Amino acid sequence: MKGRFTISRDNAKNTMYLQMNSLKPEDTAVYCCAAVPTAIRYRY
């Protein structure tokens, strides 16, 4: 995904984003977001 997709979030708006550029037919799929509660603010 590196170079074509960019993930970001706006905690003030309670929203996460995925910017997808240069899309290809093989990118066809159902895209889902998911969350995990954590007390470690720097961990993905």
PDB file of all heavy atoms in Angstrom:
ATOM      1  N   MET A   1       0.802  -1.217   0.000  1.00  0.00           N
ATOM      2  CA  MET A   1       0.000   0.000   0.000  1.00  0.00           C
ATOM      3  C   MET A   1       0.838   1.271   0.000  1.00  0.00           C
ATOM      4  O   MET A   1       0.330   2.354  -0.272  1.00  0.00           O
ATOM      5  CB  MET A   1      -0.916   0.027   1.219  1.00  0.00           C
ATOM      6  CG  MET A   1      -1.877  -1.118   1.295  1.00  0.00           C
ATOM      7  SD  MET A   1      -2.950  -1.178  -0.152  1.00  0.00           S
ATOM      8  CE  MET A   1      -2.665  -2.842  -0.716  1.00  0.00           C
ATOM      9  N   LYS A   2       2.089   1.138   0.354  1.00  0.00           N
ATOM     10  CA  LYS A   2       2.931   2.325   0.496  1.00  0.00           C
ATOM     11  C   LYS A   2       3.006   3.100  -0.813  1.00  0.00           C
ATOM     12  O   LYS A   2       3.191   2.544  -1.878  1.00  0.00           O
ATOM     13  CB  LYS A   2       4.334   1.923   0.941  1.00  0.00           C
ATOM     14  CG  LYS A   2       4.421   1.573   2.404  1.00  0.00           C
ATOM     15  CD  LYS A   2       5.862   1.328   2.817  1.00  0.00           C
ATOM     16  CE  LYS A   2       5.963   1.040   4.301  1.00  0.00           C
ATOM     17  NZ  LYS A   2       7.364   0.788   4.725  1.00  0.00           N
ATOM     18  N   GLY A   3       2.830   4.407  -0.682  1.00  0.00           N
ATOM     19  CA  GLY A   3       2.962   5.277  -1.842  1.00  0.00           C
ATOM     20  C   GLY A   3       1.648   5.609  -2.519  1.00  0.00           C
ATOM     21  O   GLY A   3       1.549   6.627  -3.182  1.00  0.00           O
ATOM     22  N   ARG A   4       0.633   4.752  -2.348  1.00  0.00           N
ATOM     23  CA  ARG A   4      -0.649   5.033  -2.992  1.00  0.00           C
ATOM     24  C   ARG A   4      -1.741   5.393  -1.999  1.00  0.00           C
ATOM     25  O   ARG A   4      -2.644   6.150  -2.318  1.00  0.00           O
ATOM     26  CB  ARG A   4      -1.119   3.825  -3.811  1.00  0.00           C
ATOM     27  CG  ARG A   4      -0.280   3.519  -5.026  1.00  0.00           C
ATOM     28  CD  ARG A   4      -1.039   2.596  -5.983  1.00  0.00           C
ATOM     29  NE  ARG A   4      -1.407   1.330  -5.350  1.00  0.00           N
ATOM     30  CZ  ARG A   4      -2.649   0.831  -5.365  1.00  0.00           C
ATOM     31  NH1 ARG A   4      -3.628   1.492  -5.956  1.00  0.00           N
ATOM     32  NH2 ARG A   4      -2.911  -0.333  -4.806  1.00  0.00           N
ATOM     33  N   PHE A   5      -1.674   4.813  -0.802  1.00  0.00           N
ATOM     34  CA  PHE A   5      -2.718   5.029   0.198  1.00  0.00           C
ATOM     35  C   PHE A   5      -2.142   5.819   1.371  1.00  0.00           C
ATOM     36  O   PHE A   5      -0.996   5.608   1.767  1.00  0.00           O
ATOM     37  CB  PHE A   5      -3.243   3.686   0.716  1.00  0.00           C
ATOM     38  CG  PHE A   5      -4.045   2.893  -0.279  1.00  0.00           C
ATOM     39  CD1 PHE A   5      -4.173   3.287  -1.603  1.00  0.00           C
ATOM     40  CD2 PHE A   5      -4.686   1.729   0.124  1.00  0.00           C
ATOM     41  CE1 PHE A   5      -4.922   2.552  -2.521  1.00  0.00           C
ATOM     42  CE2 PHE A   5      -5.438   0.989  -0.784  1.00  0.00           C
ATOM     43  CZ  PHE A   5      -5.549   1.389  -2.093  1.00  0.00           C
ATOM     44  N   THR A   6      -2.960   6.692   1.929  1.00  0.00           N
ATOM     45  CA  THR A   6      -2.558   7.482   3.090  1.00  0.00           C
ATOM     46  C   THR A   6      -3.651   7.433   4.146  1.00  0.00           C
ATOM     47  O   THR A   6      -4.799   7.774   3.862  1.00  0.00           O
ATOM     48  CB  THR A   6      -2.292   8.942   2.708  1.00  0.00           C
ATOM     49  OG1 THR A   6      -1.289   9.005   1.684  1.00  0.00           O
ATOM     50  CG2 THR A   6      -1.825   9.736   3.916  1.00  0.00           C
ATOM     51  N   ILE A   7      -3.274   7.004   5.340  1.00  0.00           N
ATOM     52  CA  ILE A   7      -4.217   6.966   6.458  1.00  0.00           C
ATOM     53  C   ILE A   7      -4.019   8.211   7.309  1.00  0.00           C
ATOM     54  O   ILE A   7      -2.892   8.706   7.454  1.00  0.00           O
ATOM     55  CB  ILE A   7      -4.006   5.679   7.301  1.00  0.00           C
ATOM     56  CG1 ILE A   7      -5.103   5.514   8.332  1.00  0.00           C
ATOM     57  CG2 ILE A   7      -2.624   5.678   7.955  1.00  0.00           C
ATOM     58  CD1 ILE A   7      -5.039   4.157   9.072  1.00  0.00           C
ATOM     59  N   SER A   8      -5.105   8.727   7.856  1.00  0.00           N
ATOM     60  CA  SER A   8      -5.029   9.867   8.745  1.00  0.00           C
ATOM     61  C   SER A   8      -6.242   9.847   9.659  1.00  0.00           C
ATOM     62  O   SER A   8      -7.184   9.087   9.439  1.00  0.00           O
ATOM     63  CB  SER A   8      -4.968  11.187   7.962  1.00  0.00           C
ATOM     64  OG  SER A   8      -6.134  11.367   7.179  1.00  0.00           O
ATOM     65  N   ARG A   9      -6.221  10.679  10.668  1.00  0.00           N
ATOM     66  CA  ARG A   9      -7.357  10.782  11.575  1.00  0.00           C
ATOM     67  C   ARG A   9      -7.459  12.196  12.105  1.00  0.00           C
ATOM     68  O   ARG A   9      -6.463  12.904  12.213  1.00  0.00           O
ATOM     69  CB  ARG A   9      -7.242   9.775  12.713  1.00  0.00           C
ATOM     70  CG  ARG A   9      -6.095  10.033  13.672  1.00  0.00           C
ATOM     71  CD  ARG A   9      -5.937   8.865  14.666  1.00  0.00           C
ATOM     72  NE  ARG A   9      -7.063   8.773  15.580  1.00  0.00           N
ATOM     73  CZ  ARG A   9      -7.358   7.685  16.296  1.00  0.00           C
ATOM     74  NH1 ARG A   9      -6.594   6.598  16.183  1.00  0.00           N
ATOM     75  NH2 ARG A   9      -8.395   7.682  17.121  1.00  0.00           N
ATOM     76  N   ASP A  10      -8.693  12.559  12.444  1.00  0.00           N
ATOM     77  CA  ASP A  10      -8.975  13.841  13.055  1.00  0.00           C
ATOM     78  C   ASP A  10      -9.745  13.546  14.333  1.00  0.00           C
ATOM     79  O   ASP A  10     -10.947  13.290  14.289  1.00  0.00           O
ATOM     80  CB  ASP A  10      -9.782  14.730  12.105  1.00  0.00           C
ATOM     81  CG  ASP A  10      -9.983  16.132  12.644  1.00  0.00           C
ATOM     82  OD1 ASP A  10      -9.875  16.335  13.861  1.00  0.00           O
ATOM     83  OD2 ASP A  10     -10.279  17.015  11.834  1.00  0.00           O
ATOM     84  N   ASN A  11      -9.046  13.549  15.456  1.00  0.00           N
ATOM     85  CA  ASN A  11      -9.698  13.189  16.715  1.00  0.00           C
ATOM     86  C   ASN A  11     -10.764  14.196  17.121  1.00  0.00           C
ATOM     87  O   ASN A  11     -11.714  13.845  17.825  1.00  0.00           O
ATOM     88  CB  ASN A  11      -8.654  13.026  17.817  1.00  0.00           C
ATOM     89  CG  ASN A  11      -7.863  11.727  17.681  1.00  0.00           C
ATOM     90  OD1 ASN A  11      -8.226  10.840  16.896  1.00  0.00           O
ATOM     91  ND2 ASN A  11      -6.785  11.603  18.427  1.00  0.00           N
ATOM     92  N   ALA A  12     -10.626  15.438  16.693  1.00  0.00           N
ATOM     93  CA  ALA A  12     -11.646  16.444  17.010  1.00  0.00           C
ATOM     94  C   ALA A  12     -12.953  16.161  16.283  1.00  0.00           C
ATOM     95  O   ALA A  12     -14.025  16.558  16.743  1.00  0.00           O
ATOM     96  CB  ALA A  12     -11.133  17.828  16.659  1.00  0.00           C
ATOM     97  N   LYS A  13     -12.862  15.465  15.132  1.00  0.00           N
ATOM     98  CA  LYS A  13     -14.052  15.143  14.340  1.00  0.00           C
ATOM     99  C   LYS A  13     -14.459  13.685  14.487  1.00  0.00           C
ATOM    100  O   LYS A  13     -15.385  13.221  13.805  1.00  0.00           O
ATOM    101  CB  LYS A  13     -13.805  15.462  12.869  1.00  0.00           C
ATOM    102  CG  LYS A  13     -13.607  16.947  12.598  1.00  0.00           C
ATOM    103  CD  LYS A  13     -13.430  17.201  11.106  1.00  0.00           C
ATOM    104  CE  LYS A  13     -13.281  18.697  10.836  1.00  0.00           C
ATOM    105  NZ  LYS A  13     -13.097  18.988   9.391  1.00  0.00           N
ATOM    106  N   ASN A  14     -13.746  12.936  15.331  1.00  0.00           N
ATOM    107  CA  ASN A  14     -14.055  11.509  15.538  1.00  0.00           C
ATOM    108  C   ASN A  14     -14.073  10.742  14.223  1.00  0.00           C
ATOM    109  O   ASN A  14     -14.935   9.871  14.001  1.00  0.00           O
ATOM    110  CB  ASN A  14     -15.403  11.332  16.249  1.00  0.00           C
ATOM    111  CG  ASN A  14     -15.373  11.864  17.663  1.00  0.00           C
ATOM    112  OD1 ASN A  14     -14.315  12.082  18.238  1.00  0.00           O
ATOM    113  ND2 ASN A  14     -16.550  12.097  18.218  1.00  0.00           N
ATOM    114  N   THR A  15     -13.126  11.043  13.366  1.00  0.00           N
ATOM    115  CA  THR A  15     -13.137  10.466  12.026  1.00  0.00           C
ATOM    116  C   THR A  15     -11.731  10.062  11.597  1.00  0.00           C
ATOM    117  O   THR A  15     -10.757  10.765  11.866  1.00  0.00           O
ATOM    118  CB  THR A  15     -13.719  11.458  11.010  1.00  0.00           C
ATOM    119  OG1 THR A  15     -15.024  11.859  11.429  1.00  0.00           O
ATOM    120  CG2 THR A  15     -13.828  10.830   9.627  1.00  0.00           C
ATOM    121  N   MET A  16     -11.677   8.933  10.904  1.00  0.00           N
ATOM    122  CA  MET A  16     -10.442   8.465  10.287  1.00  0.00           C
ATOM    123  C   MET A  16     -10.642   8.454   8.780  1.00  0.00           C
ATOM    124  O   MET A  16     -11.768   8.286   8.303  1.00  0.00           O
ATOM    125  CB  MET A  16     -10.100   7.057  10.786  1.00  0.00           C
ATOM    126  CG  MET A  16      -8.881   6.434  10.133  1.00  0.00           C
ATOM    127  SD  MET A  16      -8.497   4.792  10.744  1.00  0.00           S
ATOM    128  CE  MET A  16      -9.897   3.841  10.165  1.00  0.00           C
ATOM    129  N   TYR A  17      -9.552   8.607   8.056  1.00  0.00           N
ATOM    130  CA  TYR A  17      -9.637   8.688   6.598  1.00  0.00           C
ATOM    131  C   TYR A  17      -8.654   7.727   5.939  1.00  0.00           C
ATOM    132  O   TYR A  17      -7.634   7.349   6.529  1.00  0.00           O
ATOM    133  CB  TYR A  17      -9.310  10.111   6.123  1.00  0.00           C
ATOM    134  CG  TYR A  17     -10.147  11.175   6.764  1.00  0.00           C
ATOM    135  CD1 TYR A  17      -9.682  11.889   7.861  1.00  0.00           C
ATOM    136  CD2 TYR A  17     -11.427  11.462   6.284  1.00  0.00           C
ATOM    137  CE1 TYR A  17     -10.449  12.858   8.468  1.00  0.00           C
ATOM    138  CE2 TYR A  17     -12.206  12.434   6.885  1.00  0.00           C
ATOM    139  CZ  TYR A  17     -11.712  13.132   7.980  1.00  0.00           C
ATOM    140  OH  TYR A  17     -12.477  14.101   8.573  1.00  0.00           O
ATOM    141  N   LEU A  18      -8.973   7.377   4.707  1.00  0.00           N
ATOM    142  CA  LEU A  18      -8.026   6.649   3.860  1.00  0.00           C
ATOM    143  C   LEU A  18      -8.079   7.293   2.483  1.00  0.00           C
ATOM    144  O   LEU A  18      -9.069   7.183   1.778  1.00  0.00           O
ATOM    145  CB  LEU A  18      -8.366   5.159   3.757  1.00  0.00           C
ATOM    146  CG  LEU A  18      -7.355   4.336   2.965  1.00  0.00           C
ATOM    147  CD1 LEU A  18      -6.029   4.245   3.725  1.00  0.00           C
ATOM    148  CD2 LEU A  18      -7.885   2.927   2.672  1.00  0.00           C
ATOM    149  N   GLN A  19      -7.008   7.985   2.146  1.00  0.00           N
ATOM    150  CA  GLN A  19      -6.874   8.568   0.815  1.00  0.00           C
ATOM    151  C   GLN A  19      -6.242   7.530  -0.096  1.00  0.00           C
ATOM    152  O   GLN A  19      -5.155   7.029   0.188  1.00  0.00           O
ATOM    153  CB  GLN A  19      -6.001   9.823   0.867  1.00  0.00           C
ATOM    154  CG  GLN A  19      -5.743  10.466  -0.483  1.00  0.00           C
ATOM    155  CD  GLN A  19      -7.003  11.070  -1.089  1.00  0.00           C
ATOM    156  OE1 GLN A  19      -7.801  11.688  -0.392  1.00  0.00           O
ATOM    157  NE2 GLN A  19      -7.191  10.874  -2.390  1.00  0.00           N
ATOM    158  N   MET A  20      -6.940   7.211  -1.185  1.00  0.00           N
ATOM    159  CA  MET A  20      -6.462   6.192  -2.112  1.00  0.00           C
ATOM    160  C   MET A  20      -6.251   6.826  -3.481  1.00  0.00           C
ATOM    161  O   MET A  20      -7.188   7.379  -4.066  1.00  0.00           O
ATOM    162  CB  MET A  20      -7.472   5.049  -2.218  1.00  0.00           C
ATOM    163  CG  MET A  20      -7.851   4.441  -0.866  1.00  0.00           C
ATOM    164  SD  MET A  20      -8.855   2.966  -1.017  1.00  0.00           S
ATOM    165  CE  MET A  20     -10.353   3.663  -1.703  1.00  0.00           C
ATOM    166  N   ASN A  21      -5.043   6.761  -3.958  1.00  0.00           N
ATOM    167  CA  ASN A  21      -4.685   7.336  -5.255  1.00  0.00           C
ATOM    168  C   ASN A  21      -4.279   6.251  -6.241  1.00  0.00           C
ATOM    169  O   ASN A  21      -3.933   5.134  -5.851  1.00  0.00           O
ATOM    170  CB  ASN A  21      -3.536   8.326  -5.081  1.00  0.00           C
ATOM    171  CG  ASN A  21      -3.887   9.486  -4.182  1.00  0.00           C
ATOM    172  OD1 ASN A  21      -5.029   9.937  -4.132  1.00  0.00           O
ATOM    173  ND2 ASN A  21      -2.899   9.979  -3.450  1.00  0.00           N
ATOM    174  N   SER A  22      -4.317   6.598  -7.515  1.00  0.00           N
ATOM    175  CA  SER A  22      -3.887   5.680  -8.577  1.00  0.00           C
ATOM    176  C   SER A  22      -4.540   4.312  -8.420  1.00  0.00           C
ATOM    177  O   SER A  22      -3.866   3.267  -8.437  1.00  0.00           O
ATOM    178  CB  SER A  22      -2.359   5.537  -8.579  1.00  0.00           C
ATOM    179  OG  SER A  22      -1.741   6.788  -8.732  1.00  0.00           O
ATOM    180  N   LEU A  23      -5.847   4.322  -8.262  1.00  0.00           N
ATOM    181  CA  LEU A  23      -6.555   3.068  -8.022  1.00  0.00           C
ATOM    182  C   LEU A  23      -6.457   2.120  -9.207  1.00  0.00           C
ATOM    183  O   LEU A  23      -6.413   2.546 -10.366  1.00  0.00           O
ATOM    184  CB  LEU A  23      -8.007   3.356  -7.683  1.00  0.00           C
ATOM    185  CG  LEU A  23      -8.217   3.901  -6.259  1.00  0.00           C
ATOM    186  CD1 LEU A  23      -9.580   4.547  -6.117  1.00  0.00           C
ATOM    187  CD2 LEU A  23      -8.047   2.781  -5.238  1.00  0.00           C
ATOM    188  N   LYS A  24      -6.412   0.835  -8.869  1.00  0.00           N
ATOM    189  CA  LYS A  24      -6.285  -0.224  -9.864  1.00  0.00           C
ATOM    190  C   LYS A  24      -7.481  -1.162  -9.749  1.00  0.00           C
ATOM    191  O   LYS A  24      -8.089  -1.255  -8.668  1.00  0.00           O
ATOM    192  CB  LYS A  24      -5.001  -1.018  -9.610  1.00  0.00           C
ATOM    193  CG  LYS A  24      -3.741  -0.174  -9.537  1.00  0.00           C
ATOM    194  CD  LYS A  24      -2.548  -1.016  -9.115  1.00  0.00           C
ATOM    195  CE  LYS A  24      -1.289  -0.171  -8.982  1.00  0.00           C
ATOM    196  NZ  LYS A  24      -0.125  -0.979  -8.547  1.00  0.00           N
ATOM    197  N   PRO A  25      -7.806  -1.886 -10.796  1.00  0.00           N
ATOM    198  CA  PRO A  25      -8.919  -2.845 -10.704  1.00  0.00           C
ATOM    199  C   PRO A  25      -8.747  -3.837  -9.546  1.00  0.00           C
ATOM    200  O   PRO A  25      -9.742  -4.230  -8.933  1.00  0.00           O
ATOM    201  CB  PRO A  25      -8.885  -3.534 -12.067  1.00  0.00           C
ATOM    202  CG  PRO A  25      -8.342  -2.492 -12.993  1.00  0.00           C
ATOM    203  CD  PRO A  25      -7.311  -1.762 -12.180  1.00  0.00           C
ATOM    204  N   GLU A  26      -7.531  -4.213  -9.250  1.00  0.00           N
ATOM    205  CA  GLU A  26      -7.302  -5.159  -8.155  1.00  0.00           C
ATOM    206  C   GLU A  26      -7.541  -4.555  -6.773  1.00  0.00           C
ATOM    207  O   GLU A  26      -7.498  -5.270  -5.771  1.00  0.00           O
ATOM    208  CB  GLU A  26      -5.898  -5.756  -8.224  1.00  0.00           C
ATOM    209  CG  GLU A  26      -4.782  -4.742  -8.363  1.00  0.00           C
ATOM    210  CD  GLU A  26      -4.362  -4.516  -9.809  1.00  0.00           C
ATOM    211  OE1 GLU A  26      -5.253  -4.417 -10.695  1.00  0.00           O
ATOM    212  OE2 GLU A  26      -3.134  -4.410 -10.033  1.00  0.00           O
ATOM    213  N   ASP A  27      -7.802  -3.255  -6.707  1.00  0.00           N
ATOM    214  CA  ASP A  27      -8.183  -2.631  -5.440  1.00  0.00           C
ATOM    215  C   ASP A  27      -9.672  -2.809  -5.153  1.00  0.00           C
ATOM    216  O   ASP A  27     -10.140  -2.409  -4.080  1.00  0.00           O
ATOM    217  CB  ASP A  27      -7.857  -1.134  -5.461  1.00  0.00           C
ATOM    218  CG  ASP A  27      -6.359  -0.865  -5.497  1.00  0.00           C
ATOM    219  OD1 ASP A  27      -5.602  -1.574  -4.793  1.00  0.00           O
ATOM    220  OD2 ASP A  27      -5.953   0.046  -6.241  1.00  0.00           O
ATOM    221  N   THR A  28     -10.398  -3.364  -6.077  1.00  0.00           N
ATOM    222  CA  THR A  28     -11.826  -3.609  -5.877  1.00  0.00           C
ATOM    223  C   THR A  28     -12.038  -4.526  -4.686  1.00  0.00           C
ATOM    224  O   THR A  28     -11.488  -5.633  -4.636  1.00  0.00           O
ATOM    225  CB  THR A  28     -12.445  -4.222  -7.143  1.00  0.00           C
ATOM    226  OG1 THR A  28     -12.375  -3.268  -8.208  1.00  0.00           O
ATOM    227  CG2 THR A  28     -13.902  -4.618  -6.897  1.00  0.00           C
ATOM    228  N   ALA A  29     -12.835  -4.059  -3.717  1.00  0.00           N
ATOM    229  CA  ALA A  29     -13.042  -4.803  -2.473  1.00  0.00           C
ATOM    230  C   ALA A  29     -14.040  -4.047  -1.603  1.00  0.00           C
ATOM    231  O   ALA A  29     -14.423  -2.917  -1.912  1.00  0.00           O
ATOM    232  CB  ALA A  29     -11.728  -4.962  -1.705  1.00  0.00           C
ATOM    233  N   VAL A  30     -14.431  -4.677  -0.510  1.00  0.00           N
ATOM    234  CA  VAL A  30     -15.150  -3.985   0.559  1.00  0.00           C
ATOM    235  C   VAL A  30     -14.108  -3.473   1.547  1.00  0.00           C
ATOM    236  O   VAL A  30     -13.283  -4.255   2.038  1.00  0.00           O
ATOM    237  CB  VAL A  30     -16.151  -4.907   1.257  1.00  0.00           C
ATOM    238  CG1 VAL A  30     -16.780  -4.202   2.452  1.00  0.00           C
ATOM    239  CG2 VAL A  30     -17.232  -5.360   0.274  1.00  0.00           C
ATOM    240  N   TYR A  31     -14.153  -2.191   1.816  1.00  0.00           N
ATOM    241  CA  TYR A  31     -13.202  -1.558   2.708  1.00  0.00           C
ATOM    242  C   TYR A  31     -13.861  -1.309   4.056  1.00  0.00           C
ATOM    243  O   TYR A  31     -14.943  -0.709   4.119  1.00  0.00           O
ATOM    244  CB  TYR A  31     -12.691  -0.250   2.104  1.00  0.00           C
ATOM    245  CG  TYR A  31     -11.721  -0.476   0.972  1.00  0.00           C
ATOM    246  CD1 TYR A  31     -12.159  -0.999  -0.249  1.00  0.00           C
ATOM    247  CD2 TYR A  31     -10.369  -0.195   1.120  1.00  0.00           C
ATOM    248  CE1 TYR A  31     -11.271  -1.242  -1.284  1.00  0.00           C
ATOM    249  CE2 TYR A  31      -9.469  -0.432   0.084  1.00  0.00           C
ATOM    250  CZ  TYR A  31      -9.920  -0.951  -1.111  1.00  0.00           C
ATOM    251  OH  TYR A  31      -9.037  -1.183  -2.141  1.00  0.00           O
ATOM    252  N   CYS A  32     -13.190  -1.747   5.118  1.00  0.00           N
ATOM    253  CA  CYS A  32     -13.726  -1.649   6.465  1.00  0.00           C
ATOM    254  C   CYS A  32     -12.749  -0.933   7.373  1.00  0.00           C
ATOM    255  O   CYS A  32     -11.527  -1.062   7.200  1.00  0.00           O
ATOM    256  CB  CYS A  32     -13.984  -3.025   7.067  1.00  0.00           C
ATOM    257  SG  CYS A  32     -15.154  -4.040   6.192  1.00  0.00           S
ATOM    258  N   CYS A  33     -13.296  -0.221   8.336  1.00  0.00           N
ATOM    259  CA  CYS A  33     -12.444   0.320   9.383  1.00  0.00           C
ATOM    260  C   CYS A  33     -12.681  -0.460  10.666  1.00  0.00           C
ATOM    261  O   CYS A  33     -13.724  -1.100  10.836  1.00  0.00           O
ATOM    262  CB  CYS A  33     -12.695   1.805   9.600  1.00  0.00           C
ATOM    263  SG  CYS A  33     -14.361   2.258  10.092  1.00  0.00           S
ATOM    264  N   ALA A  34     -11.706  -0.410  11.539  1.00  0.00           N
ATOM    265  CA  ALA A  34     -11.777  -1.155  12.789  1.00  0.00           C
ATOM    266  C   ALA A  34     -11.050  -0.393  13.884  1.00  0.00           C
ATOM    267  O   ALA A  34     -10.178   0.440  13.595  1.00  0.00           O
ATOM    268  CB  ALA A  34     -11.170  -2.544  12.615  1.00  0.00           C
ATOM    269  N   ALA A  35     -11.423  -0.704  15.126  1.00  0.00           N
ATOM    270  CA  ALA A  35     -10.878   0.016  16.269  1.00  0.00           C
ATOM    271  C   ALA A  35     -10.454  -0.943  17.370  1.00  0.00           C
ATOM    272  O   ALA A  35     -11.062  -2.000  17.557  1.00  0.00           O
ATOM    273  CB  ALA A  35     -11.923   0.991  16.811  1.00  0.00           C
ATOM    274  N   VAL A  36      -9.432  -0.541  18.091  1.00  0.00           N
ATOM    275  CA  VAL A  36      -8.993  -1.287  19.268  1.00  0.00           C
ATOM    276  C   VAL A  36      -8.749  -0.289  20.386  1.00  0.00           C
ATOM    277  O   VAL A  36      -8.023   0.692  20.199  1.00  0.00           O
ATOM    278  CB  VAL A  36      -7.732  -2.127  18.969  1.00  0.00           C
ATOM    279  CG1 VAL A  36      -6.635  -1.301  18.329  1.00  0.00           C
ATOM    280  CG2 VAL A  36      -7.216  -2.789  20.231  1.00  0.00           C
ATOM    281  N   PRO A  37      -9.377  -0.493  21.563  1.00  0.00           N
ATOM    282  CA  PRO A  37      -9.136   0.430  22.673  1.00  0.00           C
ATOM    283  C   PRO A  37      -7.718   0.268  23.192  1.00  0.00           C
ATOM    284  O   PRO A  37      -7.206  -0.846  23.299  1.00  0.00           O
ATOM    285  CB  PRO A  37     -10.176   0.004  23.717  1.00  0.00           C
ATOM    286  CG  PRO A  37     -10.487  -1.419  23.386  1.00  0.00           C
ATOM    287  CD  PRO A  37     -10.308  -1.567  21.910  1.00  0.00           C
ATOM    288  N   THR A  38      -7.083   1.374  23.507  1.00  0.00           N
ATOM    289  CA  THR A  38      -5.715   1.316  23.982  1.00  0.00           C
ATOM    290  C   THR A  38      -5.386   2.512  24.855  1.00  0.00           C
ATOM    291  O   THR A  38      -5.864   3.615  24.619  1.00  0.00           O
ATOM    292  CB  THR A  38      -4.735   1.264  22.793  1.00  0.00           C
ATOM    293  OG1 THR A  38      -3.394   1.201  23.280  1.00  0.00           O
ATOM    294  CG2 THR A  38      -4.871   2.493  21.899  1.00  0.00           C
ATOM    295  N   ALA A  39      -4.552   2.266  25.844  1.00  0.00           N
ATOM    296  CA  ALA A  39      -4.046   3.343  26.689  1.00  0.00           C
ATOM    297  C   ALA A  39      -2.672   3.806  26.212  1.00  0.00           C
ATOM    298  O   ALA A  39      -2.120   4.760  26.763  1.00  0.00           O
ATOM    299  CB  ALA A  39      -3.966   2.884  28.140  1.00  0.00           C
ATOM    300  N   ILE A  40      -2.150   3.129  25.190  1.00  0.00           N
ATOM    301  CA  ILE A  40      -0.821   3.451  24.671  1.00  0.00           C
ATOM    302  C   ILE A  40      -0.994   4.319  23.436  1.00  0.00           C
ATOM    303  O   ILE A  40      -1.296   3.825  22.346  1.00  0.00           O
ATOM    304  CB  ILE A  40      -0.029   2.175  24.330  1.00  0.00           C
ATOM    305  CG1 ILE A  40       0.002   1.237  25.538  1.00  0.00           C
ATOM    306  CG2 ILE A  40       1.391   2.544  23.901  1.00  0.00           C
ATOM    307  CD1 ILE A  40       0.598  -0.120  25.243  1.00  0.00           C
ATOM    308  N   ARG A  41      -0.811   5.598  23.566  1.00  0.00           N
ATOM    309  CA  ARG A  41      -1.188   6.540  22.523  1.00  0.00           C
ATOM    310  C   ARG A  41      -0.331   6.447  21.282  1.00  0.00           C
ATOM    311  O   ARG A  41      -0.753   6.842  20.195  1.00  0.00           O
ATOM    312  CB  ARG A  41      -1.158   7.966  23.073  1.00  0.00           C
ATOM    313  CG  ARG A  41      -2.248   8.234  24.099  1.00  0.00           C
ATOM    314  CD  ARG A  41      -2.238   9.654  24.577  1.00  0.00           C
ATOM    315  NE  ARG A  41      -2.254  10.642  23.525  1.00  0.00           N
ATOM    316  CZ  ARG A  41      -3.323  10.985  22.826  1.00  0.00           C
ATOM    317  NH1 ARG A  41      -4.468  10.378  23.030  1.00  0.00           N
ATOM    318  NH2 ARG A  41      -3.245  11.922  21.893  1.00  0.00           N
ATOM    319  N   TYR A  42       0.870   5.897  21.403  1.00  0.00           N
ATOM    320  CA  TYR A  42       1.772   5.881  20.252  1.00  0.00           C
ATOM    321  C   TYR A  42       1.769   4.535  19.531  1.00  0.00           C
ATOM    322  O   TYR A  42       2.484   4.359  18.547  1.00  0.00           O
ATOM    323  CB  TYR A  42       3.200   6.173  20.703  1.00  0.00           C
ATOM    324  CG  TYR A  42       3.717   5.200  21.721  1.00  0.00           C
ATOM    325  CD1 TYR A  42       4.248   3.965  21.344  1.00  0.00           C
ATOM    326  CD2 TYR A  42       3.670   5.496  23.082  1.00  0.00           C
ATOM    327  CE1 TYR A  42       4.707   3.065  22.276  1.00  0.00           C
ATOM    328  CE2 TYR A  42       4.125   4.595  24.022  1.00  0.00           C
ATOM    329  CZ  TYR A  42       4.648   3.388  23.623  1.00  0.00           C
ATOM    330  OH  TYR A  42       5.095   2.500  24.562  1.00  0.00           O
ATOM    331  N   ARG A  43       0.995   3.591  19.973  1.00  0.00           N
ATOM    332  CA  ARG A  43       1.033   2.242  19.407  1.00  0.00           C
ATOM    333  C   ARG A  43      -0.022   2.060  18.322  1.00  0.00           C
ATOM    334  O   ARG A  43      -1.189   2.428  18.505  1.00  0.00           O
ATOM    335  CB  ARG A  43       0.821   1.202  20.495  1.00  0.00           C
ATOM    336  CG  ARG A  43       0.883  -0.215  19.944  1.00  0.00           C
ATOM    337  CD  ARG A  43       0.683  -1.260  21.017  1.00  0.00           C
ATOM    338  NE  ARG A  43       0.641  -2.612  20.410  1.00  0.00           N
ATOM    339  CZ  ARG A  43       0.456  -3.738  21.086  1.00  0.00           C
ATOM    340  NH1 ARG A  43       0.313  -3.692  22.409  1.00  0.00           N
ATOM    341  NH2 ARG A  43       0.431  -4.903  20.467  1.00  0.00           N
ATOM    342  N   TYR A  44       0.395   1.452  17.199  1.00  0.00           N
ATOM    343  CA  TYR A  44      -0.572   0.983  16.219  1.00  0.00           C
ATOM    344  C   TYR A  44      -0.628  -0.538  16.306  1.00  0.00           C
ATOM    345  O   TYR A  44       0.252  -1.176  16.892  1.00  0.00           O
ATOM    346  CB  TYR A  44      -0.215   1.426  14.802  1.00  0.00           C
ATOM    347  CG  TYR A  44       1.155   1.012  14.329  1.00  0.00           C
ATOM    348  CD1 TYR A  44       1.446  -0.308  13.983  1.00  0.00           C
ATOM    349  CD2 TYR A  44       2.169   1.953  14.201  1.00  0.00           C
ATOM    350  CE1 TYR A  44       2.702  -0.682  13.564  1.00  0.00           C
ATOM    351  CE2 TYR A  44       3.428   1.583  13.763  1.00  0.00           C
ATOM    352  CZ  TYR A  44       3.692   0.267  13.452  1.00  0.00           C
ATOM    353  OH  TYR A  44       4.935  -0.095  13.028  1.00  0.00           O
TER     354      TYR A  44
END
